[in-house]
PDB file of N, CA and C in Angstrom:
ATOM      1  N   MET A   1     132.919 100.087 113.285  1.00  0.00           N
ATOM      2  CA  MET A   1     131.806  99.462 112.610  1.00  0.00           C
ATOM      3  C   MET A   1     130.825  98.914 113.643  1.00  0.00           C
ATOM      4  N   ALA A   2     129.553  98.959 113.312  1.00  0.00           N
ATOM      5  CA  ALA A   2     128.509  98.502 114.221  1.00  0.00           C
ATOM      6  C   ALA A   2     128.481  96.970 114.275  1.00  0.00           C
ATOM      7  N   PRO A   3     127.959  96.417 115.376  1.00  0.00           N
ATOM      8  CA  PRO A   3     127.854  94.960 115.495  1.00  0.00           C
ATOM      9  C   PRO A   3     126.733  94.411 114.606  1.00  0.00           C
ATOM     10  N   SER A   4     126.639  93.106 114.554  1.00  0.00           N
ATOM     11  CA  SER A   4     125.544  92.468 113.811  1.00  0.00           C
ATOM     12  C   SER A   4     124.213  92.810 114.464  1.00  0.00           C
ATOM     13  N   GLY A   5     123.166  92.791 113.649  1.00  0.00           N
ATOM     14  CA  GLY A   5     121.833  93.092 114.153  1.00  0.00           C
ATOM     15  C   GLY A   5     121.336  92.039 115.130  1.00  0.00           C
ATOM     16  N   PRO A   6     120.541  92.450 116.134  1.00  0.00           N
ATOM     17  CA  PRO A   6     119.975  91.498 117.074  1.00  0.00           C
ATOM     18  C   PRO A   6     119.041  90.516 116.365  1.00  0.00           C
ATOM     19  N   LYS A   7     118.887  89.342 116.954  1.00  0.00           N
ATOM     20  CA  LYS A   7     118.004  88.324 116.390  1.00  0.00           C
ATOM     21  C   LYS A   7     116.560  88.818 116.425  1.00  0.00           C
ATOM     22  N   LEU A   8     115.849  88.615 115.311  1.00  0.00           N
ATOM     23  CA  LEU A   8     114.441  88.979 115.229  1.00  0.00           C
ATOM     24  C   LEU A   8     113.577  87.814 115.695  1.00  0.00           C
ATOM     25  N   ASP A   9     112.506  88.130 116.415  1.00  0.00           N
ATOM     26  CA  ASP A   9     111.511  87.140 116.803  1.00  0.00           C
ATOM     27  C   ASP A   9     110.252  87.386 115.988  1.00  0.00           C
ATOM     28  N   PHE A  10     109.688  86.319 115.439  1.00  0.00           N
ATOM     29  CA  PHE A  10     108.431  86.422 114.704  1.00  0.00           C
ATOM     30  C   PHE A  10     107.296  86.501 115.717  1.00  0.00           C
ATOM     31  N   ILE A  11     106.439  87.519 115.592  1.00  0.00           N
ATOM     32  CA  ILE A  11     105.311  87.691 116.506  1.00  0.00           C
ATOM     33  C   ILE A  11     104.017  87.237 115.842  1.00  0.00           C
ATOM     34  N   GLY A  12     103.804  87.636 114.593  1.00  0.00           N
ATOM     35  CA  GLY A  12     102.579  87.259 113.904  1.00  0.00           C
ATOM     36  C   GLY A  12     102.523  87.842 112.504  1.00  0.00           C
ATOM     37  N   ALA A  13     101.551  87.343 111.720  1.00  0.00           N
ATOM     38  CA  ALA A  13     101.351  87.854 110.366  1.00  0.00           C
ATOM     39  C   ALA A  13      99.864  87.816 110.041  1.00  0.00           C
ATOM     40  N   SER A  14      99.423  88.822 109.309  1.00  0.00           N
ATOM     41  CA  SER A  14      98.058  88.841 108.793  1.00  0.00           C
ATOM     42  C   SER A  14      98.177  88.830 107.276  1.00  0.00           C
ATOM     43  N   GLU A  15      97.131  89.242 106.587  1.00  0.00           N
ATOM     44  CA  GLU A  15      97.184  89.274 105.125  1.00  0.00           C
ATOM     45  C   GLU A  15      98.186  90.307 104.614  1.00  0.00           C
ATOM     46  N   THR A  16      98.330  91.424 105.317  1.00  0.00           N
ATOM     47  CA  THR A  16      99.167  92.518 104.807  1.00  0.00           C
ATOM     48  C   THR A  16     100.179  93.061 105.810  1.00  0.00           C
ATOM     49  N   ILE A  17     100.288  92.459 106.997  1.00  0.00           N
ATOM     50  CA  ILE A  17     101.184  92.965 108.043  1.00  0.00           C
ATOM     51  C   ILE A  17     101.989  91.810 108.642  1.00  0.00           C
ATOM     52  N   ILE A  18     103.277  92.034 108.843  1.00  0.00           N
ATOM     53  CA  ILE A  18     104.135  91.114 109.586  1.00  0.00           C
ATOM     54  C   ILE A  18     104.624  91.864 110.821  1.00  0.00           C
ATOM     55  N   THR A  19     104.571  91.209 111.983  1.00  0.00           N
ATOM     56  CA  THR A  19     105.033  91.812 113.230  1.00  0.00           C
ATOM     57  C   THR A  19     106.220  91.019 113.763  1.00  0.00           C
ATOM     58  N   VAL A  20     107.306  91.746 114.063  1.00  0.00           N
ATOM     59  CA  VAL A  20     108.513  91.151 114.618  1.00  0.00           C
ATOM     60  C   VAL A  20     108.912  91.929 115.873  1.00  0.00           C
ATOM     61  N   ALA A  21     109.814  91.345 116.665  1.00  0.00           N
ATOM     62  CA  ALA A  21     110.312  92.018 117.866  1.00  0.00           C
ATOM     63  C   ALA A  21     111.786  91.675 118.039  1.00  0.00           C
ATOM     64  N   PHE A  22     112.501  92.525 118.789  1.00  0.00           N
ATOM     65  CA  PHE A  22     113.917  92.274 119.072  1.00  0.00           C
ATOM     66  C   PHE A  22     114.334  92.976 120.348  1.00  0.00           C
ATOM     67  N   ASN A  23     115.392  92.453 120.951  1.00  0.00           N
ATOM     68  CA  ASN A  23     116.015  93.090 122.114  1.00  0.00           C
ATOM     69  C   ASN A  23     117.047  94.084 121.604  1.00  0.00           C
ATOM     70  N   PRO A  24     116.863  95.378 121.854  1.00  0.00           N
ATOM     71  CA  PRO A  24     117.867  96.340 121.390  1.00  0.00           C
ATOM     72  C   PRO A  24     119.174  96.182 122.159  1.00  0.00           C
ATOM     73  N   LEU A  25     120.262  96.529 121.521  1.00  0.00           N
ATOM     74  CA  LEU A  25     121.578  96.505 122.169  1.00  0.00           C
ATOM     75  C   LEU A  25     121.719  97.734 123.056  1.00  0.00           C
ATOM     76  N   SER A  26     122.396  97.601 124.161  1.00  0.00           N
ATOM     77  CA  SER A  26     122.586  98.755 125.045  1.00  0.00           C
ATOM     78  C   SER A  26     123.517  99.787 124.414  1.00  0.00           C
ATOM     79  N   SER A  27     124.324  99.354 123.453  1.00  0.00           N
ATOM     80  CA  SER A  27     125.311 100.246 122.854  1.00  0.00           C
ATOM     81  C   SER A  27     124.797 101.031 121.642  1.00  0.00           C
ATOM     82  N   HIS A  28     123.635 100.662 121.100  1.00  0.00           N
ATOM     83  CA  HIS A  28     123.129 101.315 119.882  1.00  0.00           C
ATOM     84  C   HIS A  28     121.634 101.594 119.985  1.00  0.00           C
ATOM     85  N   ASP A  29     121.221 102.719 119.408  1.00  0.00           N
ATOM     86  CA  ASP A  29     119.813 103.120 119.462  1.00  0.00           C
ATOM     87  C   ASP A  29     119.090 103.022 118.121  1.00  0.00           C
ATOM     88  N   ASN A  30     119.817 103.029 117.015  1.00  0.00           N
ATOM     89  CA  ASN A  30     119.160 103.081 115.707  1.00  0.00           C
ATOM     90  C   ASN A  30     119.335 101.787 114.932  1.00  0.00           C
ATOM     91  N   TYR A  31     118.211 101.309 114.384  1.00  0.00           N
ATOM     92  CA  TYR A  31     118.178 100.039 113.668  1.00  0.00           C
ATOM     93  C   TYR A  31     117.453 100.232 112.342  1.00  0.00           C
ATOM     94  N   GLU A  32     117.791  99.388 111.392  1.00  0.00           N
ATOM     95  CA  GLU A  32     117.100  99.397 110.109  1.00  0.00           C
ATOM     96  C   GLU A  32     116.427  98.038 109.926  1.00  0.00           C
ATOM     97  N   LEU A  33     115.100  98.044 109.927  1.00  0.00           N
ATOM     98  CA  LEU A  33     114.321  96.838 109.673  1.00  0.00           C
ATOM     99  C   LEU A  33     114.149  96.732 108.166  1.00  0.00           C
ATOM    100  N   GLN A  34     114.585  95.617 107.584  1.00  0.00           N
ATOM    101  CA  GLN A  34     114.569  95.450 106.131  1.00  0.00           C
ATOM    102  C   GLN A  34     113.679  94.270 105.750  1.00  0.00           C
ATOM    103  N   TRP A  35     113.013  94.379 104.603  1.00  0.00           N
ATOM    104  CA  TRP A  35     112.197  93.283 104.111  1.00  0.00           C
ATOM    105  C   TRP A  35     112.143  93.304 102.588  1.00  0.00           C
ATOM    106  N   LYS A  36     111.867  92.136 102.033  1.00  0.00           N
ATOM    107  CA  LYS A  36     111.701  91.979 100.589  1.00  0.00           C
ATOM    108  C   LYS A  36     110.867  90.733 100.351  1.00  0.00           C
ATOM    109  N   GLU A  37     110.238  90.693  99.185  1.00  0.00           N
ATOM    110  CA  GLU A  37     109.532  89.471  98.817  1.00  0.00           C
ATOM    111  C   GLU A  37     110.556  88.415  98.438  1.00  0.00           C
ATOM    112  N   TYR A  38     110.322  87.198  98.885  1.00  0.00           N
ATOM    113  CA  TYR A  38     111.214  86.092  98.549  1.00  0.00           C
ATOM    114  C   TYR A  38     110.891  85.626  97.133  1.00  0.00           C
ATOM    115  N   PRO A  39     111.837  85.399  96.237  1.00  0.00           N
ATOM    116  CA  PRO A  39     113.293  85.410  96.365  1.00  0.00           C
ATOM    117  C   PRO A  39     113.942  86.651  95.752  1.00  0.00           C
ATOM    118  N   GLN A  40     113.291  87.799  95.820  1.00  0.00           N
ATOM    119  CA  GLN A  40     113.858  89.009  95.240  1.00  0.00           C
ATOM    120  C   GLN A  40     115.208  89.334  95.867  1.00  0.00           C
ATOM    121  N   LYS A  41     115.926  90.286  95.247  1.00  0.00           N
ATOM    122  CA  LYS A  41     117.265  90.655  95.695  1.00  0.00           C
ATOM    123  C   LYS A  41     117.201  91.860  96.636  1.00  0.00           C
ATOM    124  N   TRP A  42     118.028  91.824  97.691  1.00  0.00           N
ATOM    125  CA  TRP A  42     118.087  92.942  98.643  1.00  0.00           C
ATOM    126  C   TRP A  42     118.476  94.232  97.943  1.00  0.00           C
ATOM    127  N   GLU A  43     119.454  94.154  97.031  1.00  0.00           N
ATOM    128  CA  GLU A  43     120.016  95.363  96.416  1.00  0.00           C
ATOM    129  C   GLU A  43     118.996  96.132  95.582  1.00  0.00           C
ATOM    130  N   THR A  44     118.077  95.433  94.938  1.00  0.00           N
ATOM    131  CA  THR A  44     117.138  96.120  94.041  1.00  0.00           C
ATOM    132  C   THR A  44     115.711  96.175  94.571  1.00  0.00           C
ATOM    133  N   ASP A  45     115.323  95.229  95.410  1.00  0.00           N
ATOM    134  CA  ASP A  45     113.923  95.143  95.825  1.00  0.00           C
ATOM    135  C   ASP A  45     113.701  95.321  97.320  1.00  0.00           C
ATOM    136  N   GLY A  46     114.783  95.407  98.082  1.00  0.00           N
ATOM    137  CA  GLY A  46     114.643  95.533  99.532  1.00  0.00           C
ATOM    138  C   GLY A  46     114.015  96.858  99.933  1.00  0.00           C
ATOM    139  N   GLN A  47     113.177  96.809 100.964  1.00  0.00           N
ATOM    140  CA  GLN A  47     112.580  98.010 101.539  1.00  0.00           C
ATOM    141  C   GLN A  47     112.996  98.059 103.004  1.00  0.00           C
ATOM    142  N   SER A  48     112.878  99.229 103.601  1.00  0.00           N
ATOM    143  CA  SER A  48     113.308  99.330 104.993  1.00  0.00           C
ATOM    144  C   SER A  48     112.640 100.487 105.707  1.00  0.00           C
ATOM    145  N   LYS A  49     112.753 100.432 107.035  1.00  0.00           N
ATOM    146  CA  LYS A  49     112.355 101.578 107.850  1.00  0.00           C
ATOM    147  C   LYS A  49     113.295 101.643 109.036  1.00  0.00           C
ATOM    148  N   ILE A  50     113.534 102.864 109.497  1.00  0.00           N
ATOM    149  CA  ILE A  50     114.454 103.111 110.610  1.00  0.00           C
ATOM    150  C   ILE A  50     113.663 103.061 111.919  1.00  0.00           C
ATOM    151  N   ILE A  51     114.247 102.396 112.903  1.00  0.00           N
ATOM    152  CA  ILE A  51     113.639 102.303 114.230  1.00  0.00           C
ATOM    153  C   ILE A  51     114.624 102.894 115.231  1.00  0.00           C
ATOM    154  N   CYS A  52     114.162 103.881 116.000  1.00  0.00           N
ATOM    155  CA  CYS A  52     114.990 104.480 117.046  1.00  0.00           C
ATOM    156  C   CYS A  52     114.539 103.921 118.392  1.00  0.00           C
ATOM    157  N   ALA A  53     115.422 103.169 119.040  1.00  0.00           N
ATOM    158  CA  ALA A  53     115.085 102.492 120.292  1.00  0.00           C
ATOM    159  C   ALA A  53     114.700 103.469 121.403  1.00  0.00           C
ATOM    160  N   LYS A  54     115.154 104.705 121.318  1.00  0.00           N
ATOM    161  CA  LYS A  54     114.863 105.681 122.372  1.00  0.00           C
ATOM    162  C   LYS A  54     113.409 106.137 122.348  1.00  0.00           C
ATOM    163  N   VAL A  55     112.757 106.091 121.187  1.00  0.00           N
ATOM    164  CA  VAL A  55     111.403 106.642 121.089  1.00  0.00           C
ATOM    165  C   VAL A  55     110.314 105.603 120.845  1.00  0.00           C
ATOM    166  N   VAL A  56     110.684 104.355 120.569  1.00  0.00           N
ATOM    167  CA  VAL A  56     109.700 103.317 120.270  1.00  0.00           C
ATOM    168  C   VAL A  56     109.297 102.621 121.570  1.00  0.00           C
ATOM    169  N   PRO A  57     107.992 102.413 121.787  1.00  0.00           N
ATOM    170  CA  PRO A  57     107.580 101.720 123.013  1.00  0.00           C
ATOM    171  C   PRO A  57     108.022 100.255 123.014  1.00  0.00           C
ATOM    172  N   ARG A  58     108.166  99.680 124.210  1.00  0.00           N
ATOM    173  CA  ARG A  58     108.577  98.278 124.368  1.00  0.00           C
ATOM    174  C   ARG A  58     107.353  97.430 124.708  1.00  0.00           C
ATOM    175  N   ASN A  59     107.440  96.143 124.395  1.00  0.00           N
ATOM    176  CA  ASN A  59     106.366  95.235 124.797  1.00  0.00           C
ATOM    177  C   ASN A  59     106.629  94.747 126.220  1.00  0.00           C
ATOM    178  N   LYS A  60     105.804  93.823 126.721  1.00  0.00           N
ATOM    179  CA  LYS A  60     105.922  93.393 128.126  1.00  0.00           C
ATOM    180  C   LYS A  60     107.241  92.689 128.419  1.00  0.00           C
ATOM    181  N   ASN A  61     107.928  92.177 127.393  1.00  0.00           N
ATOM    182  CA  ASN A  61     109.229  91.531 127.578  1.00  0.00           C
ATOM    183  C   ASN A  61     110.395  92.500 127.363  1.00  0.00           C
ATOM    184  N   ASN A  62     110.092  93.804 127.319  1.00  0.00           N
ATOM    185  CA  ASN A  62     111.072  94.865 127.092  1.00  0.00           C
ATOM    186  C   ASN A  62     111.718  94.788 125.706  1.00  0.00           C
ATOM    187  N   LYS A  63     111.030  94.162 124.768  1.00  0.00           N
ATOM    188  CA  LYS A  63     111.512  94.112 123.387  1.00  0.00           C
ATOM    189  C   LYS A  63     110.827  95.198 122.566  1.00  0.00           C
ATOM    190  N   ILE A  64     111.502  95.617 121.518  1.00  0.00           N
ATOM    191  CA  ILE A  64     110.902  96.556 120.580  1.00  0.00           C
ATOM    192  C   ILE A  64     110.114  95.737 119.569  1.00  0.00           C
ATOM    193  N   GLN A  65     108.857  96.106 119.386  1.00  0.00           N
ATOM    194  CA  GLN A  65     107.994  95.407 118.441  1.00  0.00           C
ATOM    195  C   GLN A  65     107.728  96.325 117.263  1.00  0.00           C
ATOM    196  N   ALA A  66     107.799  95.781 116.053  1.00  0.00           N
ATOM    197  CA  ALA A  66     107.618  96.606 114.857  1.00  0.00           C
ATOM    198  C   ALA A  66     106.743  95.883 113.843  1.00  0.00           C
ATOM    199  N   ASN A  67     105.929  96.664 113.146  1.00  0.00           N
ATOM    200  CA  ASN A  67     105.088  96.139 112.078  1.00  0.00           C
ATOM    201  C   ASN A  67     105.659  96.522 110.725  1.00  0.00           C
ATOM    202  N   ILE A  68     105.583  95.582 109.795  1.00  0.00           N
ATOM    203  CA  ILE A  68     105.873  95.855 108.387  1.00  0.00           C
ATOM    204  C   ILE A  68     104.509  95.804 107.712  1.00  0.00           C
ATOM    205  N   GLU A  69     104.102  96.910 107.103  1.00  0.00           N
ATOM    206  CA  GLU A  69     102.732  97.023 106.612  1.00  0.00           C
ATOM    207  C   GLU A  69     102.660  97.121 105.092  1.00  0.00           C
ATOM    208  N   ASP A  70     101.423  97.047 104.587  1.00  0.00           N
ATOM    209  CA  ASP A  70     101.131  97.173 103.149  1.00  0.00           C
ATOM    210  C   ASP A  70     101.799  96.079 102.323  1.00  0.00           C
ATOM    211  N   LEU A  71     101.800  94.857 102.851  1.00  0.00           N
ATOM    212  CA  LEU A  71     102.394  93.729 102.147  1.00  0.00           C
ATOM    213  C   LEU A  71     101.345  93.046 101.270  1.00  0.00           C
ATOM    214  N   ASN A  72     101.800  92.180 100.380  1.00  0.00           N
ATOM    215  CA  ASN A  72     100.892  91.445  99.505  1.00  0.00           C
ATOM    216  C   ASN A  72     100.396  90.186 100.206  1.00  0.00           C
ATOM    217  N   PRO A  73      99.077  89.946 100.208  1.00  0.00           N
ATOM    218  CA  PRO A  73      98.539  88.733 100.838  1.00  0.00           C
ATOM    219  C   PRO A  73      99.064  87.472 100.151  1.00  0.00           C
ATOM    220  N   GLY A  74      99.239  86.414 100.939  1.00  0.00           N
ATOM    221  CA  GLY A  74      99.654  85.128 100.394  1.00  0.00           C
ATOM    222  C   GLY A  74     101.046  85.128  99.791  1.00  0.00           C
ATOM    223  N   SER A  75     101.924  86.015 100.249  1.00  0.00           N
ATOM    224  CA  SER A  75     103.286  86.118  99.720  1.00  0.00           C
ATOM    225  C   SER A  75     104.300  85.711 100.790  1.00  0.00           C
ATOM    226  N   THR A  76     105.493  85.364 100.338  1.00  0.00           N
ATOM    227  CA  THR A  76     106.576  85.012 101.251  1.00  0.00           C
ATOM    228  C   THR A  76     107.561  86.172 101.307  1.00  0.00           C
ATOM    229  N   TYR A  77     107.935  86.572 102.518  1.00  0.00           N
ATOM    230  CA  TYR A  77     108.855  87.687 102.716  1.00  0.00           C
ATOM    231  C   TYR A  77     110.077  87.241 103.496  1.00  0.00           C
ATOM    232  N   THR A  78     111.187  87.904 103.211  1.00  0.00           N
ATOM    233  CA  THR A  78     112.416  87.737 103.972  1.00  0.00           C
ATOM    234  C   THR A  78     112.598  89.020 104.777  1.00  0.00           C
ATOM    235  N   VAL A  79     112.856  88.869 106.088  1.00  0.00           N
ATOM    236  CA  VAL A  79     112.969  90.020 106.988  1.00  0.00           C
ATOM    237  C   VAL A  79     114.292  89.916 107.740  1.00  0.00           C
ATOM    238  N   ARG A  80     114.964  91.052 107.907  1.00  0.00           N
ATOM    239  CA  ARG A  80     116.203  91.080 108.690  1.00  0.00           C
ATOM    240  C   ARG A  80     116.349  92.453 109.348  1.00  0.00           C
ATOM    241  N   LEU A  81     117.311  92.548 110.250  1.00  0.00           N
ATOM    242  CA  LEU A  81     117.527  93.768 111.014  1.00  0.00           C
ATOM    243  C   LEU A  81     119.016  94.062 111.043  1.00  0.00           C
ATOM    244  N   ARG A  82     119.380  95.332 110.951  1.00  0.00           N
ATOM    245  CA  ARG A  82     120.789  95.665 111.144  1.00  0.00           C
ATOM    246  C   ARG A  82     120.916  96.919 111.981  1.00  0.00           C
ATOM    247  N   VAL A  83     122.036  97.003 112.673  1.00  0.00           N
ATOM    248  CA  VAL A  83     122.357  98.144 113.522  1.00  0.00           C
ATOM    249  C   VAL A  83     122.915  99.253 112.643  1.00  0.00           C
ATOM    250  N   LEU A  84     122.476 100.466 112.905  1.00  0.00           N
ATOM    251  CA  LEU A  84     123.038 101.626 112.208  1.00  0.00           C
ATOM    252  C   LEU A  84     124.022 102.298 113.148  1.00  0.00           C
ATOM    253  N   ALA A  85     125.258 102.407 112.705  1.00  0.00           N
ATOM    254  CA  ALA A  85     126.293 103.030 113.532  1.00  0.00           C
ATOM    255  C   ALA A  85     126.190 104.544 113.429  1.00  0.00           C
ATOM    256  N   VAL A  86     126.607 105.224 114.470  1.00  0.00           N
ATOM    257  CA  VAL A  86     126.654 106.681 114.450  1.00  0.00           C
ATOM    258  C   VAL A  86     128.109 107.100 114.506  1.00  0.00           C
ATOM    259  N   GLY A  87     128.512 107.895 113.548  1.00  0.00           N
ATOM    260  CA  GLY A  87     129.895 108.374 113.507  1.00  0.00           C
ATOM    261  C   GLY A  87     130.142 109.397 114.596  1.00  0.00           C
ATOM    262  N   SER A  88     131.396 109.743 114.792  1.00  0.00           N
ATOM    263  CA  SER A  88     131.750 110.655 115.880  1.00  0.00           C
ATOM    264  C   SER A  88     131.511 112.118 115.534  1.00  0.00           C
ATOM    265  N   SER A  89     131.344 112.421 114.247  1.00  0.00           N
ATOM    266  CA  SER A  89     131.190 113.835 113.887  1.00  0.00           C
ATOM    267  C   SER A  89     129.732 114.218 113.686  1.00  0.00           C
ATOM    268  N   GLU A  90     129.203 114.944 114.646  1.00  0.00           N
ATOM    269  CA  GLU A  90     127.877 115.551 114.561  1.00  0.00           C
ATOM    270  C   GLU A  90     126.759 114.582 114.187  1.00  0.00           C
ATOM    271  N   GLY A  91     126.762 113.394 114.774  1.00  0.00           N
ATOM    272  CA  GLY A  91     125.684 112.455 114.546  1.00  0.00           C
ATOM    273  C   GLY A  91     125.638 111.864 113.150  1.00  0.00           C
ATOM    274  N   GLU A  92     126.697 112.019 112.397  1.00  0.00           N
ATOM    275  CA  GLU A  92     126.739 111.501 111.029  1.00  0.00           C
ATOM    276  C   GLU A  92     126.736 109.974 111.060  1.00  0.00           C
ATOM    277  N   ALA A  93     125.961 109.366 110.177  1.00  0.00           N
ATOM    278  CA  ALA A  93     125.846 107.909 110.168  1.00  0.00           C
ATOM    279  C   ALA A  93     127.154 107.269 109.730  1.00  0.00           C
ATOM    280  N   GLY A  94     127.583 106.262 110.470  1.00  0.00           N
ATOM    281  CA  GLY A  94     128.771 105.494 110.112  1.00  0.00           C
ATOM    282  C   GLY A  94     128.362 104.248 109.349  1.00  0.00           C
ATOM    283  N   ALA A  95     129.281 103.309 109.208  1.00  0.00           N
ATOM    284  CA  ALA A  95     129.000 102.070 108.489  1.00  0.00           C
ATOM    285  C   ALA A  95     128.023 101.220 109.293  1.00  0.00           C
ATOM    286  N   PRO A  96     126.978 100.701 108.642  1.00  0.00           N
ATOM    287  CA  PRO A  96     126.033  99.850 109.361  1.00  0.00           C
ATOM    288  C   PRO A  96     126.653  98.491 109.678  1.00  0.00           C
ATOM    289  N   GLY A  97     126.080  97.821 110.664  1.00  0.00           N
ATOM    290  CA  GLY A  97     126.540  96.490 111.025  1.00  0.00           C
ATOM    291  C   GLY A  97     126.022  95.437 110.058  1.00  0.00           C
ATOM    292  N   LYS A  98     126.462  94.200 110.270  1.00  0.00           N
ATOM    293  CA  LYS A  98     125.984  93.092 109.442  1.00  0.00           C
ATOM    294  C   LYS A  98     124.523  92.809 109.777  1.00  0.00           C
ATOM    295  N   PRO A  99     123.740  92.376 108.783  1.00  0.00           N
ATOM    296  CA  PRO A  99     122.334  92.058 109.051  1.00  0.00           C
ATOM    297  C   PRO A  99     122.196  90.857 109.990  1.00  0.00           C
ATOM    298  N   SER A 100     121.087  90.831 110.698  1.00  0.00           N
ATOM    299  CA  SER A 100     120.752  89.697 111.557  1.00  0.00           C
ATOM    300  C   SER A 100     120.436  88.482 110.684  1.00  0.00           C
ATOM    301  N   PRO A 101     120.331  87.300 111.287  1.00  0.00           N
ATOM    302  CA  PRO A 101     119.847  86.158 110.513  1.00  0.00           C
ATOM    303  C   PRO A 101     118.463  86.486 109.929  1.00  0.00           C
ATOM    304  N   GLU A 102     118.191  85.992 108.736  1.00  0.00           N
ATOM    305  CA  GLU A 102     116.936  86.313 108.055  1.00  0.00           C
ATOM    306  C   GLU A 102     115.796  85.430 108.523  1.00  0.00           C
ATOM    307  N   LEU A 103     114.611  86.030 108.616  1.00  0.00           N
ATOM    308  CA  LEU A 103     113.383  85.287 108.874  1.00  0.00           C
ATOM    309  C   LEU A 103     112.642  85.163 107.550  1.00  0.00           C
ATOM    310  N   ILE A 104     112.091  83.992 107.274  1.00  0.00           N
ATOM    311  CA  ILE A 104     111.253  83.792 106.093  1.00  0.00           C
ATOM    312  C   ILE A 104     109.829  83.653 106.622  1.00  0.00           C
ATOM    313  N   ILE A 105     108.948  84.574 106.204  1.00  0.00           N
ATOM    314  CA  ILE A 105     107.600  84.650 106.765  1.00  0.00           C
ATOM    315  C   ILE A 105     106.578  84.740 105.637  1.00  0.00           C
ATOM    316  N   ASP A 106     105.497  83.971 105.764  1.00  0.00           N
ATOM    317  CA  ASP A 106     104.386  84.036 104.800  1.00  0.00           C
ATOM    318  C   ASP A 106     103.287  84.922 105.358  1.00  0.00           C
ATOM    319  N   THR A 107     102.728  85.787 104.501  1.00  0.00           N
ATOM    320  CA  THR A 107     101.520  86.506 104.882  1.00  0.00           C
ATOM    321  C   THR A 107     100.338  85.588 104.590  1.00  0.00           C
ATOM    322  N   GLU A 108      99.237  85.818 105.273  1.00  0.00           N
ATOM    323  CA  GLU A 108      98.064  84.969 105.090  1.00  0.00           C
ATOM    324  C   GLU A 108      97.393  85.262 103.755  1.00  0.00           C
ATOM    325  N   ALA A 109      96.802  84.242 103.180  1.00  0.00           N
ATOM    326  CA  ALA A 109      96.040  84.412 101.950  1.00  0.00           C
ATOM    327  C   ALA A 109      94.692  85.036 102.286  1.00  0.00           C
ATOM    328  N   VAL A 110      94.138  85.769 101.349  1.00  0.00           N
ATOM    329  CA  VAL A 110      92.807  86.334 101.529  1.00  0.00           C
ATOM    330  C   VAL A 110      91.825  85.169 101.560  1.00  0.00           C
ATOM    331  N   SER A 111      90.969  85.154 102.570  1.00  0.00           N
ATOM    332  CA  SER A 111      90.045  84.042 102.754  1.00  0.00           C
ATOM    333  C   SER A 111      88.622  84.553 102.880  1.00  0.00           C
ATOM    334  N   CYS A 112      87.691  83.795 102.358  1.00  0.00           N
ATOM    335  CA  CYS A 112      86.283  84.190 102.482  1.00  0.00           C
ATOM    336  C   CYS A 112      85.581  83.369 103.560  1.00  0.00           C
ATOM    337  N   THR A 113      86.293  82.459 104.217  1.00  0.00           N
ATOM    338  CA  THR A 113      85.709  81.683 105.306  1.00  0.00           C
ATOM    339  C   THR A 113      86.019  82.364 106.626  1.00  0.00           C
ATOM    340  N   PRO A 114      85.238  82.062 107.676  1.00  0.00           N
ATOM    341  CA  PRO A 114      85.483  82.722 108.963  1.00  0.00           C
ATOM    342  C   PRO A 114      86.872  82.443 109.527  1.00  0.00           C
ATOM    343  N   LYS A 115      87.423  81.235 109.326  1.00  0.00           N
ATOM    344  CA  LYS A 115      88.740  80.905 109.805  1.00  0.00           C
ATOM    345  C   LYS A 115      89.633  80.580 108.611  1.00  0.00           C
ATOM    346  N   ALA A 116      90.814  81.166 108.582  1.00  0.00           N
ATOM    347  CA  ALA A 116      91.725  80.968 107.445  1.00  0.00           C
ATOM    348  C   ALA A 116      92.148  79.518 107.304  1.00  0.00           C
ATOM    349  N   SER A 117      92.152  78.762 108.387  1.00  0.00           N
ATOM    350  CA  SER A 117      92.636  77.389 108.334  1.00  0.00           C
ATOM    351  C   SER A 117      91.529  76.387 107.991  1.00  0.00           C
ATOM    352  N   GLN A 118      90.326  76.865 107.776  1.00  0.00           N
ATOM    353  CA  GLN A 118      89.208  75.973 107.511  1.00  0.00           C
ATOM    354  C   GLN A 118      89.215  75.470 106.065  1.00  0.00           C
ATOM    355  N   CYS A 119      88.994  74.171 105.895  1.00  0.00           N
ATOM    356  CA  CYS A 119      88.910  73.573 104.558  1.00  0.00           C
ATOM    357  C   CYS A 119      87.581  72.867 104.412  1.00  0.00           C
ATOM    358  N   ILE A 120      86.996  72.952 103.248  1.00  0.00           N
ATOM    359  CA  ILE A 120      85.757  72.258 102.968  1.00  0.00           C
ATOM    360  C   ILE A 120      86.007  71.344 101.775  1.00  0.00           C
ATOM    361  N   LEU A 121      85.758  70.048 101.954  1.00  0.00           N
ATOM    362  CA  LEU A 121      85.914  69.087 100.868  1.00  0.00           C
ATOM    363  C   LEU A 121      84.536  68.668 100.396  1.00  0.00           C
ATOM    364  N   LEU A 122      84.302  68.741  99.111  1.00  0.00           N
ATOM    365  CA  LEU A 122      83.004  68.349  98.552  1.00  0.00           C
ATOM    366  C   LEU A 122      83.144  67.066  97.763  1.00  0.00           C
TER     367      LEU A 122
END
């Protein structure tokens, strides 16, 4: 069985994109980045994408950086990562590892002011 997923680092969020990064394990190349709107259920509402450490570029800290795109503005998301094991027979996928600790991240609300953090009191 594969080990638990590496810890995710929050890099940033816009209205529709969340960016995270992680240090890949030397023993595994394939990861599944998972996300869902909070408080939806992983089993029915979770989405994911596969990341292959061998082909994805690294950032300046040698971490793999990934974007989750097409998200809803002003929403809260739960994000996690898990290692995908490779079985011994012809690259067949084995049992995945346990998910990493979850990150709870808000996307930015759509704003009509130049700065999202600006407030005007009348």
